[in-house]
PDB file of N, CA and C in Angstrom:
ATOM      1  N   GLN A   1      92.537  85.477 102.703  1.00  0.00           N
ATOM      2  CA  GLN A   1      92.442  86.793 102.085  1.00  0.00           C
ATOM      3  C   GLN A   1      93.327  86.820 100.833  1.00  0.00           C
ATOM      4  N   VAL A   2      92.735  87.130  99.709  1.00  0.00           N
ATOM      5  CA  VAL A   2      93.475  87.199  98.462  1.00  0.00           C
ATOM      6  C   VAL A   2      94.278  88.492  98.425  1.00  0.00           C
ATOM      7  N   GLN A   3      95.539  88.356  98.071  1.00  0.00           N
ATOM      8  CA  GLN A   3      96.380  89.544  97.913  1.00  0.00           C
ATOM      9  C   GLN A   3      96.630  89.801  96.441  1.00  0.00           C
ATOM     10  N   LEU A   4      96.682  91.059  96.091  1.00  0.00           N
ATOM     11  CA  LEU A   4      96.906  91.485  94.717  1.00  0.00           C
ATOM     12  C   LEU A   4      98.119  92.402  94.697  1.00  0.00           C
ATOM     13  N   VAL A   5      99.030  92.159  93.774  1.00  0.00           N
ATOM     14  CA  VAL A   5     100.245  92.964  93.675  1.00  0.00           C
ATOM     15  C   VAL A   5     100.366  93.510  92.262  1.00  0.00           C
ATOM     16  N   GLU A   6     100.393  94.837  92.172  1.00  0.00           N
ATOM     17  CA  GLU A   6     100.501  95.501  90.877  1.00  0.00           C
ATOM     18  C   GLU A   6     101.960  95.840  90.577  1.00  0.00           C
ATOM     19  N   SER A   7     102.295  95.822  89.295  1.00  0.00           N
ATOM     20  CA  SER A   7     103.644  96.213  88.869  1.00  0.00           C
ATOM     21  C   SER A   7     103.609  96.643  87.416  1.00  0.00           C
ATOM     22  N   GLY A   8     104.721  97.211  86.956  1.00  0.00           N
ATOM     23  CA  GLY A   8     104.853  97.550  85.547  1.00  0.00           C
ATOM     24  C   GLY A   8     104.775  99.024  85.214  1.00  0.00           C
ATOM     25  N   GLY A   9     104.480  99.844  86.211  1.00  0.00           N
ATOM     26  CA  GLY A   9     104.390 101.273  85.954  1.00  0.00           C
ATOM     27  C   GLY A   9     105.749 101.892  85.707  1.00  0.00           C
ATOM     28  N   GLY A  10     105.735 103.177  85.381  1.00  0.00           N
ATOM     29  CA  GLY A  10     106.988 103.884  85.139  1.00  0.00           C
ATOM     30  C   GLY A  10     106.754 105.227  84.516  1.00  0.00           C
ATOM     31  N   LEU A  11     107.841 105.839  84.103  1.00  0.00           N
ATOM     32  CA  LEU A  11     107.812 107.130  83.421  1.00  0.00           C
ATOM     33  C   LEU A  11     107.940 106.887  81.922  1.00  0.00           C
ATOM     34  N   VAL A  12     107.028 107.443  81.167  1.00  0.00           N
ATOM     35  CA  VAL A  12     107.030 107.226  79.728  1.00  0.00           C
ATOM     36  C   VAL A  12     106.636 108.528  79.034  1.00  0.00           C
ATOM     37  N   GLN A  13     107.137 108.719  77.831  1.00  0.00           N
ATOM     38  CA  GLN A  13     106.792 109.909  77.067  1.00  0.00           C
ATOM     39  C   GLN A  13     105.409 109.762  76.435  1.00  0.00           C
ATOM     40  N   PRO A  14     104.771 110.865  76.140  1.00  0.00           N
ATOM     41  CA  PRO A  14     103.482 110.783  75.436  1.00  0.00           C
ATOM     42  C   PRO A  14     103.619 109.950  74.162  1.00  0.00           C
ATOM     43  N   GLY A  15     102.620 109.109  73.938  1.00  0.00           N
ATOM     44  CA  GLY A  15     102.660 108.202  72.803  1.00  0.00           C
ATOM     45  C   GLY A  15     103.298 106.859  73.102  1.00  0.00           C
ATOM     46  N   GLY A  16     103.901 106.743  74.273  1.00  0.00           N
ATOM     47  CA  GLY A  16     104.570 105.515  74.645  1.00  0.00           C
ATOM     48  C   GLY A  16     103.625 104.446  75.161  1.00  0.00           C
ATOM     49  N   SER A  17     104.200 103.318  75.561  1.00  0.00           N
ATOM     50  CA  SER A  17     103.426 102.158  76.002  1.00  0.00           C
ATOM     51  C   SER A  17     103.988 101.583  77.300  1.00  0.00           C
ATOM     52  N   LEU A  18     103.107 100.958  78.053  1.00  0.00           N
ATOM     53  CA  LEU A  18     103.479 100.209  79.233  1.00  0.00           C
ATOM     54  C   LEU A  18     102.569  98.994  79.341  1.00  0.00           C
ATOM     55  N   ARG A  19     103.039  97.978  80.062  1.00  0.00           N
ATOM     56  CA  ARG A  19     102.199  96.823  80.359  1.00  0.00           C
ATOM     57  C   ARG A  19     102.179  96.626  81.869  1.00  0.00           C
ATOM     58  N   LEU A  20     101.010  96.755  82.438  1.00  0.00           N
ATOM     59  CA  LEU A  20     100.842  96.572  83.874  1.00  0.00           C
ATOM     60  C   LEU A  20     100.422  95.136  84.169  1.00  0.00           C
ATOM     61  N   SER A  21     100.884  94.615  85.298  1.00  0.00           N
ATOM     62  CA  SER A  21     100.516  93.269  85.727  1.00  0.00           C
ATOM     63  C   SER A  21      99.914  93.319  87.121  1.00  0.00           C
ATOM     64  N   CYS A  22      98.964  92.461  87.347  1.00  0.00           N
ATOM     65  CA  CYS A  22      98.329  92.320  88.662  1.00  0.00           C
ATOM     66  C   CYS A  22      98.328  90.831  88.991  1.00  0.00           C
ATOM     67  N   VAL A  23      99.181  90.451  89.935  1.00  0.00           N
ATOM     68  CA  VAL A  23      99.306  89.049  90.304  1.00  0.00           C
ATOM     69  C   VAL A  23      98.532  88.782  91.591  1.00  0.00           C
ATOM     70  N   ALA A  24      97.633  87.808  91.523  1.00  0.00           N
ATOM     71  CA  ALA A  24      96.845  87.423  92.688  1.00  0.00           C
ATOM     72  C   ALA A  24      97.478  86.224  93.380  1.00  0.00           C
ATOM     73  N   SER A  25      97.196  86.076  94.663  1.00  0.00           N
ATOM     74  CA  SER A  25      97.778  84.977  95.434  1.00  0.00           C
ATOM     75  C   SER A  25      97.075  83.650  95.158  1.00  0.00           C
ATOM     76  N   ALA A  26      96.026  83.686  94.317  1.00  0.00           N
ATOM     77  CA  ALA A  26      95.318  82.470  93.915  1.00  0.00           C
ATOM     78  C   ALA A  26      94.670  82.724  92.562  1.00  0.00           C
ATOM     79  N   SER A  27      94.164  81.654  91.939  1.00  0.00           N
ATOM     80  CA  SER A  27      93.551  81.787  90.597  1.00  0.00           C
ATOM     81  C   SER A  27      92.129  82.327  90.706  1.00  0.00           C
ATOM     82  N   VAL A  28      92.031  83.518  91.254  1.00  0.00           N
ATOM     83  CA  VAL A  28      90.713  84.063  91.577  1.00  0.00           C
ATOM     84  C   VAL A  28      89.946  84.526  90.368  1.00  0.00           C
ATOM     85  N   PHE A  29      90.643  84.809  89.283  1.00  0.00           N
ATOM     86  CA  PHE A  29      89.946  85.350  88.116  1.00  0.00           C
ATOM     87  C   PHE A  29      89.210  84.273  87.336  1.00  0.00           C
ATOM     88  N   ASN A  30      89.251  83.041  87.824  1.00  0.00           N
ATOM     89  CA  ASN A  30      88.335  82.012  87.329  1.00  0.00           C
ATOM     90  C   ASN A  30      86.917  82.267  87.824  1.00  0.00           C
ATOM     91  N   PHE A  31      86.818  82.954  88.970  1.00  0.00           N
ATOM     92  CA  PHE A  31      85.534  83.083  89.656  1.00  0.00           C
ATOM     93  C   PHE A  31      85.071  84.527  89.772  1.00  0.00           C
ATOM     94  N   TYR A  32      85.991  85.468  89.575  1.00  0.00           N
ATOM     95  CA  TYR A  32      85.659  86.876  89.722  1.00  0.00           C
ATOM     96  C   TYR A  32      86.159  87.658  88.524  1.00  0.00           C
ATOM     97  N   ALA A  33      85.447  88.709  88.205  1.00  0.00           N
ATOM     98  CA  ALA A  33      85.955  89.639  87.211  1.00  0.00           C
ATOM     99  C   ALA A  33      87.168  90.360  87.777  1.00  0.00           C
ATOM    100  N   GLY A  34      88.023  90.815  86.885  1.00  0.00           N
ATOM    101  CA  GLY A  34      89.180  91.597  87.294  1.00  0.00           C
ATOM    102  C   GLY A  34      89.042  93.015  86.772  1.00  0.00           C
ATOM    103  N   GLY A  35      89.464  93.958  87.576  1.00  0.00           N
ATOM    104  CA  GLY A  35      89.339  95.347  87.164  1.00  0.00           C
ATOM    105  C   GLY A  35      90.598  96.141  87.426  1.00  0.00           C
ATOM    106  N   TRP A  36      90.886  97.072  86.542  1.00  0.00           N
ATOM    107  CA  TRP A  36      91.960  98.048  86.737  1.00  0.00           C
ATOM    108  C   TRP A  36      91.325  99.410  86.992  1.00  0.00           C
ATOM    109  N   TYR A  37      91.826 100.081  88.018  1.00  0.00           N
ATOM    110  CA  TYR A  37      91.373 101.405  88.393  1.00  0.00           C
ATOM    111  C   TYR A  37      92.577 102.351  88.372  1.00  0.00           C
ATOM    112  N   ARG A  38      92.297 103.638  88.363  1.00  0.00           N
ATOM    113  CA  ARG A  38      93.383 104.597  88.497  1.00  0.00           C
ATOM    114  C   ARG A  38      92.914 105.786  89.320  1.00  0.00           C
ATOM    115  N   GLN A  39      93.899 106.384  89.988  1.00  0.00           N
ATOM    116  CA  GLN A  39      93.622 107.541  90.828  1.00  0.00           C
ATOM    117  C   GLN A  39      94.705 108.579  90.619  1.00  0.00           C
ATOM    118  N   ALA A  40      94.299 109.719  90.087  1.00  0.00           N
ATOM    119  CA  ALA A  40      95.207 110.842  89.900  1.00  0.00           C
ATOM    120  C   ALA A  40      95.185 111.699  91.161  1.00  0.00           C
ATOM    121  N   PRO A  41      96.217 112.482  91.398  1.00  0.00           N
ATOM    122  CA  PRO A  41      96.260 113.327  92.597  1.00  0.00           C
ATOM    123  C   PRO A  41      95.027 114.215  92.716  1.00  0.00           C
ATOM    124  N   GLY A  42      94.404 114.177  93.883  1.00  0.00           N
ATOM    125  CA  GLY A  42      93.250 115.021  94.134  1.00  0.00           C
ATOM    126  C   GLY A  42      91.954 114.548  93.502  1.00  0.00           C
ATOM    127  N   LYS A  43      91.990 113.364  92.892  1.00  0.00           N
ATOM    128  CA  LYS A  43      90.780 112.845  92.232  1.00  0.00           C
ATOM    129  C   LYS A  43      90.379 111.506  92.831  1.00  0.00           C
ATOM    130  N   GLN A  44      89.173 111.075  92.543  1.00  0.00           N
ATOM    131  CA  GLN A  44      88.710 109.794  93.048  1.00  0.00           C
ATOM    132  C   GLN A  44      89.271 108.661  92.205  1.00  0.00           C
ATOM    133  N   ARG A  45      89.207 107.470  92.764  1.00  0.00           N
ATOM    134  CA  ARG A  45      89.655 106.277  92.056  1.00  0.00           C
ATOM    135  C   ARG A  45      88.545 105.839  91.093  1.00  0.00           C
ATOM    136  N   ASP A  46      88.876 105.700  89.835  1.00  0.00           N
ATOM    137  CA  ASP A  46      87.904 105.361  88.804  1.00  0.00           C
ATOM    138  C   ASP A  46      88.249 104.054  88.113  1.00  0.00           C
ATOM    139  N   LEU A  47      87.228 103.350  87.686  1.00  0.00           N
ATOM    140  CA  LEU A  47      87.417 102.135  86.907  1.00  0.00           C
ATOM    141  C   LEU A  47      87.899 102.485  85.510  1.00  0.00           C
ATOM    142  N   VAL A  48      88.946 101.810  85.071  1.00  0.00           N
ATOM    143  CA  VAL A  48      89.512 102.025  83.741  1.00  0.00           C
ATOM    144  C   VAL A  48      89.095 100.901  82.796  1.00  0.00           C
ATOM    145  N   ALA A  49      89.188  99.661  83.275  1.00  0.00           N
ATOM    146  CA  ALA A  49      88.868  98.508  82.435  1.00  0.00           C
ATOM    147  C   ALA A  49      88.483  97.340  83.325  1.00  0.00           C
ATOM    148  N   ARG A  50      87.687  96.458  82.755  1.00  0.00           N
ATOM    149  CA  ARG A  50      87.213  95.301  83.497  1.00  0.00           C
ATOM    150  C   ARG A  50      87.161  94.111  82.552  1.00  0.00           C
ATOM    151  N   ILE A  51      87.468  92.921  83.063  1.00  0.00           N
ATOM    152  CA  ILE A  51      87.351  91.702  82.273  1.00  0.00           C
ATOM    153  C   ILE A  51      86.570  90.685  83.083  1.00  0.00           C
ATOM    154  N   GLY A  52      85.520  90.129  82.474  1.00  0.00           N
ATOM    155  CA  GLY A  52      84.691  89.149  83.147  1.00  0.00           C
ATOM    156  C   GLY A  52      85.280  87.752  83.071  1.00  0.00           C
ATOM    157  N   THR A  53      84.665  86.828  83.785  1.00  0.00           N
ATOM    158  CA  THR A  53      85.160  85.448  83.809  1.00  0.00           C
ATOM    159  C   THR A  53      85.063  84.787  82.441  1.00  0.00           C
ATOM    160  N   GLY A  54      84.181  85.282  81.596  1.00  0.00           N
ATOM    161  CA  GLY A  54      84.044  84.744  80.248  1.00  0.00           C
ATOM    162  C   GLY A  54      84.856  85.497  79.212  1.00  0.00           C
ATOM    163  N   GLY A  55      85.645  86.456  79.688  1.00  0.00           N
ATOM    164  CA  GLY A  55      86.501  87.221  78.785  1.00  0.00           C
ATOM    165  C   GLY A  55      85.874  88.502  78.251  1.00  0.00           C
ATOM    166  N   GLU A  56      84.638  88.762  78.632  1.00  0.00           N
ATOM    167  CA  GLU A  56      84.014  90.008  78.164  1.00  0.00           C
ATOM    168  C   GLU A  56      84.713  91.195  78.812  1.00  0.00           C
ATOM    169  N   THR A  57      84.837  92.279  78.053  1.00  0.00           N
ATOM    170  CA  THR A  57      85.600  93.435  78.522  1.00  0.00           C
ATOM    171  C   THR A  57      84.764  94.708  78.511  1.00  0.00           C
ATOM    172  N   TYR A  58      85.190  95.628  79.357  1.00  0.00           N
ATOM    173  CA  TYR A  58      84.613  96.966  79.424  1.00  0.00           C
ATOM    174  C   TYR A  58      85.773  97.938  79.543  1.00  0.00           C
ATOM    175  N   TYR A  59      85.647  99.087  78.871  1.00  0.00           N
ATOM    176  CA  TYR A  59      86.654 100.144  78.965  1.00  0.00           C
ATOM    177  C   TYR A  59      85.975 101.481  79.195  1.00  0.00           C
ATOM    178  N   ALA A  60      86.587 102.303  80.022  1.00  0.00           N
ATOM    179  CA  ALA A  60      86.137 103.672  80.142  1.00  0.00           C
ATOM    180  C   ALA A  60      86.346 104.383  78.801  1.00  0.00           C
ATOM    181  N   ASP A  61      85.488 105.321  78.500  1.00  0.00           N
ATOM    182  CA  ASP A  61      85.574 106.018  77.217  1.00  0.00           C
ATOM    183  C   ASP A  61      86.943 106.659  77.003  1.00  0.00           C
ATOM    184  N   SER A  62      87.542 107.128  78.081  1.00  0.00           N
ATOM    185  CA  SER A  62      88.802 107.855  77.968  1.00  0.00           C
ATOM    186  C   SER A  62      89.965 106.971  77.530  1.00  0.00           C
ATOM    187  N   VAL A  63      89.829 105.652  77.647  1.00  0.00           N
ATOM    188  CA  VAL A  63      90.936 104.758  77.304  1.00  0.00           C
ATOM    189  C   VAL A  63      90.578 103.792  76.183  1.00  0.00           C
ATOM    190  N   LYS A  64      89.347 103.821  75.736  1.00  0.00           N
ATOM    191  CA  LYS A  64      88.884 102.888  74.705  1.00  0.00           C
ATOM    192  C   LYS A  64      89.731 103.039  73.453  1.00  0.00           C
ATOM    193  N   GLY A  65      90.192 101.903  72.922  1.00  0.00           N
ATOM    194  CA  GLY A  65      91.022 101.929  71.730  1.00  0.00           C
ATOM    195  C   GLY A  65      92.505 102.082  72.013  1.00  0.00           C
ATOM    196  N   ARG A  66      92.852 102.388  73.259  1.00  0.00           N
ATOM    197  CA  ARG A  66      94.273 102.557  73.611  1.00  0.00           C
ATOM    198  C   ARG A  66      94.729 101.522  74.648  1.00  0.00           C
ATOM    199  N   PHE A  67      93.847 101.125  75.531  1.00  0.00           N
ATOM    200  CA  PHE A  67      94.191 100.164  76.586  1.00  0.00           C
ATOM    201  C   PHE A  67      93.533  98.821  76.283  1.00  0.00           C
ATOM    202  N   THR A  68      94.200  97.740  76.707  1.00  0.00           N
ATOM    203  CA  THR A  68      93.659  96.395  76.533  1.00  0.00           C
ATOM    204  C   THR A  68      93.857  95.603  77.814  1.00  0.00           C
ATOM    205  N   ILE A  69      92.776  95.032  78.315  1.00  0.00           N
ATOM    206  CA  ILE A  69      92.841  94.201  79.520  1.00  0.00           C
ATOM    207  C   ILE A  69      92.788  92.739  79.115  1.00  0.00           C
ATOM    208  N   SER A  70      93.542  91.907  79.836  1.00  0.00           N
ATOM    209  CA  SER A  70      93.574  90.480  79.536  1.00  0.00           C
ATOM    210  C   SER A  70      93.971  89.711  80.798  1.00  0.00           C
ATOM    211  N   THR A  71      93.802  88.387  80.736  1.00  0.00           N
ATOM    212  CA  THR A  71      94.239  87.530  81.833  1.00  0.00           C
ATOM    213  C   THR A  71      95.155  86.434  81.285  1.00  0.00           C
ATOM    214  N   ASP A  72      95.905  85.804  82.176  1.00  0.00           N
ATOM    215  CA  ASP A  72      96.724  84.675  81.755  1.00  0.00           C
ATOM    216  C   ASP A  72      95.898  83.389  81.819  1.00  0.00           C
ATOM    217  N   ASN A  73      96.442  82.306  81.282  1.00  0.00           N
ATOM    218  CA  ASN A  73      95.692  81.049  81.235  1.00  0.00           C
ATOM    219  C   ASN A  73      95.367  80.513  82.625  1.00  0.00           C
ATOM    220  N   ALA A  74      96.230  80.772  83.575  1.00  0.00           N
ATOM    221  CA  ALA A  74      96.007  80.282  84.933  1.00  0.00           C
ATOM    222  C   ALA A  74      94.991  81.119  85.687  1.00  0.00           C
ATOM    223  N   LYS A  75      94.606  82.230  85.106  1.00  0.00           N
ATOM    224  CA  LYS A  75      93.615  83.131  85.724  1.00  0.00           C
ATOM    225  C   LYS A  75      94.068  83.650  87.087  1.00  0.00           C
ATOM    226  N   SER A  76      95.387  83.834  87.205  1.00  0.00           N
ATOM    227  CA  SER A  76      95.882  84.413  88.449  1.00  0.00           C
ATOM    228  C   SER A  76      96.502  85.793  88.226  1.00  0.00           C
ATOM    229  N   THR A  77      96.561  86.215  86.967  1.00  0.00           N
ATOM    230  CA  THR A  77      97.164  87.504  86.643  1.00  0.00           C
ATOM    231  C   THR A  77      96.265  88.247  85.663  1.00  0.00           C
ATOM    232  N   VAL A  78      96.084  89.525  85.911  1.00  0.00           N
ATOM    233  CA  VAL A  78      95.371  90.398  84.988  1.00  0.00           C
ATOM    234  C   VAL A  78      96.360  91.433  84.476  1.00  0.00           C
ATOM    235  N   TYR A  79      96.365  91.625  83.179  1.00  0.00           N
ATOM    236  CA  TYR A  79      97.267  92.583  82.546  1.00  0.00           C
ATOM    237  C   TYR A  79      96.474  93.794  82.047  1.00  0.00           C
ATOM    238  N   LEU A  80      97.166  94.897  81.942  1.00  0.00           N
ATOM    239  CA  LEU A  80      96.612  96.069  81.276  1.00  0.00           C
ATOM    240  C   LEU A  80      97.693  96.634  80.360  1.00  0.00           C
ATOM    241  N   GLN A  81      97.464  96.515  79.066  1.00  0.00           N
ATOM    242  CA  GLN A  81      98.374  97.082  78.067  1.00  0.00           C
ATOM    243  C   GLN A  81      97.951  98.514  77.798  1.00  0.00           C
ATOM    244  N   LEU A  82      98.863  99.435  78.005  1.00  0.00           N
ATOM    245  CA  LEU A  82      98.591 100.854  77.814  1.00  0.00           C
ATOM    246  C   LEU A  82      99.373 101.340  76.598  1.00  0.00           C
ATOM    247  N   ASN A  83      98.677 101.753  75.562  1.00  0.00           N
ATOM    248  CA  ASN A  83      99.301 102.267  74.349  1.00  0.00           C
ATOM    249  C   ASN A  83      98.904 103.715  74.125  1.00  0.00           C
ATOM    250  N   ASN A  84      99.710 104.403  73.331  1.00  0.00           N
ATOM    251  CA  ASN A  84      99.429 105.800  72.978  1.00  0.00           C
ATOM    252  C   ASN A  84      99.099 106.615  74.239  1.00  0.00           C
ATOM    253  N   LEU A  85      99.972 106.518  75.204  1.00  0.00           N
ATOM    254  CA  LEU A  85      99.725 107.169  76.480  1.00  0.00           C
ATOM    255  C   LEU A  85      99.714 108.681  76.366  1.00  0.00           C
ATOM    256  N   LYS A  86      98.872 109.298  77.188  1.00  0.00           N
ATOM    257  CA  LYS A  86      98.721 110.739  77.210  1.00  0.00           C
ATOM    258  C   LYS A  86      99.036 111.257  78.621  1.00  0.00           C
ATOM    259  N   PRO A  87      99.400 112.511  78.751  1.00  0.00           N
ATOM    260  CA  PRO A  87      99.682 113.055  80.093  1.00  0.00           C
ATOM    261  C   PRO A  87      98.526 112.859  81.062  1.00  0.00           C
ATOM    262  N   GLU A  88      97.306 112.904  80.554  1.00  0.00           N
ATOM    263  CA  GLU A  88      96.149 112.726  81.445  1.00  0.00           C
ATOM    264  C   GLU A  88      95.974 111.297  81.938  1.00  0.00           C
ATOM    265  N   ASP A  89      96.781 110.377  81.439  1.00  0.00           N
ATOM    266  CA  ASP A  89      96.769 109.004  81.950  1.00  0.00           C
ATOM    267  C   ASP A  89      97.629 108.863  83.211  1.00  0.00           C
ATOM    268  N   THR A  90      98.344 109.916  83.567  1.00  0.00           N
ATOM    269  CA  THR A  90      99.187 109.887  84.753  1.00  0.00           C
ATOM    270  C   THR A  90      98.334 109.651  86.002  1.00  0.00           C
ATOM    271  N   ALA A  91      98.681 108.607  86.743  1.00  0.00           N
ATOM    272  CA  ALA A  91      97.910 108.219  87.927  1.00  0.00           C
ATOM    273  C   ALA A  91      98.585 107.017  88.574  1.00  0.00           C
ATOM    274  N   VAL A  92      98.106 106.673  89.757  1.00  0.00           N
ATOM    275  CA  VAL A  92      98.446 105.387  90.351  1.00  0.00           C
ATOM    276  C   VAL A  92      97.381 104.396  89.895  1.00  0.00           C
ATOM    277  N   TYR A  93      97.829 103.274  89.367  1.00  0.00           N
ATOM    278  CA  TYR A  93      96.921 102.260  88.843  1.00  0.00           C
ATOM    279  C   TYR A  93      96.831 101.107  89.844  1.00  0.00           C
ATOM    280  N   TYR A  94      95.597 100.688  90.102  1.00  0.00           N
ATOM    281  CA  TYR A  94      95.307  99.613  91.044  1.00  0.00           C
ATOM    282  C   TYR A  94      94.473  98.533  90.354  1.00  0.00           C
ATOM    283  N   CYS A  95      94.590  97.315  90.854  1.00  0.00           N
ATOM    284  CA  CYS A  95      93.711  96.260  90.371  1.00  0.00           C
ATOM    285  C   CYS A  95      92.892  95.722  91.531  1.00  0.00           C
ATOM    286  N   ASN A  96      91.823  95.023  91.174  1.00  0.00           N
ATOM    287  CA  ASN A  96      90.992  94.403  92.194  1.00  0.00           C
ATOM    288  C   ASN A  96      90.173  93.303  91.548  1.00  0.00           C
ATOM    289  N   ARG A  97      89.631  92.421  92.343  1.00  0.00           N
ATOM    290  CA  ARG A  97      88.655  91.455  91.876  1.00  0.00           C
ATOM    291  C   ARG A  97      87.276  92.013  92.199  1.00  0.00           C
ATOM    292  N   LEU A  98      86.341  91.712  91.325  1.00  0.00           N
ATOM    293  CA  LEU A  98      85.025  92.320  91.400  1.00  0.00           C
ATOM    294  C   LEU A  98      83.945  91.276  91.610  1.00  0.00           C
ATOM    295  N   SER A  99      83.006  91.606  92.453  1.00  0.00           N
ATOM    296  CA  SER A  99      81.808  90.800  92.631  1.00  0.00           C
ATOM    297  C   SER A  99      80.617  91.711  92.392  1.00  0.00           C
ATOM    298  N   ALA A 100      79.807  91.373  91.399  1.00  0.00           N
ATOM    299  CA  ALA A 100      78.673  92.233  91.023  1.00  0.00           C
ATOM    300  C   ALA A 100      79.144  93.661  90.782  1.00  0.00           C
ATOM    301  N   GLY A 101      80.299  93.784  90.173  1.00  0.00           N
ATOM    302  CA  GLY A 101      80.808  95.094  89.813  1.00  0.00           C
ATOM    303  C   GLY A 101      81.470  95.858  90.932  1.00  0.00           C
ATOM    304  N   THR A 102      81.554  95.275  92.100  1.00  0.00           N
ATOM    305  CA  THR A 102      82.125  95.952  93.261  1.00  0.00           C
ATOM    306  C   THR A 102      83.474  95.351  93.636  1.00  0.00           C
ATOM    307  N   PRO A 103      84.501  96.175  93.809  1.00  0.00           N
ATOM    308  CA  PRO A 103      85.796  95.638  94.245  1.00  0.00           C
ATOM    309  C   PRO A 103      85.705  95.084  95.652  1.00  0.00           C
ATOM    310  N   ILE A 104      86.241  93.866  95.865  1.00  0.00           N
ATOM    311  CA  ILE A 104      86.042  93.210  97.144  1.00  0.00           C
ATOM    312  C   ILE A 104      87.335  92.851  97.860  1.00  0.00           C
ATOM    313  N   SER A 105      88.476  93.025  97.226  1.00  0.00           N
ATOM    314  CA  SER A 105      89.739  92.760  97.900  1.00  0.00           C
ATOM    315  C   SER A 105      90.294  94.054  98.476  1.00  0.00           C
ATOM    316  N   SER A 106      91.187  93.915  99.430  1.00  0.00           N
ATOM    317  CA  SER A 106      91.877  95.088  99.945  1.00  0.00           C
ATOM    318  C   SER A 106      92.726  95.689  98.824  1.00  0.00           C
ATOM    319  N   TRP A 107      92.793  97.005  98.807  1.00  0.00           N
ATOM    320  CA  TRP A 107      93.590  97.658  97.777  1.00  0.00           C
ATOM    321  C   TRP A 107      95.078  97.475  98.071  1.00  0.00           C
ATOM    322  N   GLY A 108      95.826  97.222  97.008  1.00  0.00           N
ATOM    323  CA  GLY A 108      97.272  97.137  97.135  1.00  0.00           C
ATOM    324  C   GLY A 108      97.899  98.516  97.060  1.00  0.00           C
ATOM    325  N   GLN A 109      99.201  98.528  96.857  1.00  0.00           N
ATOM    326  CA  GLN A 109      99.912  99.809  96.794  1.00  0.00           C
ATOM    327  C   GLN A 109      99.806 100.467  95.434  1.00  0.00           C
ATOM    328  N   GLY A 110      99.392  99.703  94.444  1.00  0.00           N
ATOM    329  CA  GLY A 110      99.273 100.271  93.114  1.00  0.00           C
ATOM    330  C   GLY A 110     100.618 100.419  92.434  1.00  0.00           C
ATOM    331  N   THR A 111     100.569 100.874  91.198  1.00  0.00           N
ATOM    332  CA  THR A 111     101.792 101.131  90.436  1.00  0.00           C
ATOM    333  C   THR A 111     101.642 102.484  89.738  1.00  0.00           C
ATOM    334  N   GLN A 112     102.663 103.313  89.874  1.00  0.00           N
ATOM    335  CA  GLN A 112     102.604 104.682  89.357  1.00  0.00           C
ATOM    336  C   GLN A 112     102.910 104.712  87.871  1.00  0.00           C
ATOM    337  N   VAL A 113     102.038 105.359  87.126  1.00  0.00           N
ATOM    338  CA  VAL A 113     102.260 105.624  85.710  1.00  0.00           C
ATOM    339  C   VAL A 113     102.357 107.136  85.536  1.00  0.00           C
ATOM    340  N   THR A 114     103.462 107.575  84.988  1.00  0.00           N
ATOM    341  CA  THR A 114     103.673 108.996  84.740  1.00  0.00           C
ATOM    342  C   THR A 114     103.974 109.194  83.269  1.00  0.00           C
ATOM    343  N   VAL A 115     103.170 110.018  82.623  1.00  0.00           N
ATOM    344  CA  VAL A 115     103.341 110.300  81.197  1.00  0.00           C
ATOM    345  C   VAL A 115     103.768 111.751  81.066  1.00  0.00           C
ATOM    346  N   SER A 116     104.990 111.948  80.640  1.00  0.00           N
ATOM    347  CA  SER A 116     105.537 113.295  80.577  1.00  0.00           C
ATOM    348  C   SER A 116     106.703 113.335  79.603  1.00  0.00           C
ATOM    349  N   SER A 117     106.834 114.476  78.932  1.00  0.00           N
ATOM    350  CA  SER A 117     107.980 114.659  78.045  1.00  0.00           C
ATOM    351  C   SER A 117     109.117 115.351  78.784  1.00  0.00           C
TER     352      SER A 117
END
């Protein structure tokens, strides 16, 4: 069973930046797409960004131009660079590996991102 551990969240002012990391217990992103999701209180968990095995990317409209997803050379870590953060970006952020667009690993604890002045 592949385990995924998210980190890098925190409290940041509007306009600030954070870099989230998702470390897998194996180099799974050679074979699976990686995705970052977020869940705000009282809302469903939504896909924020996705990176395919060939490096192709997808972003939700709400984060396009502000967030960047990437992987490391070993394909065991997926990053999410968050720039120009807004209060509405406040959520717990989770990562997962995707098969045919569907998350297939158990969800981790996520990492909290809070954007507030």
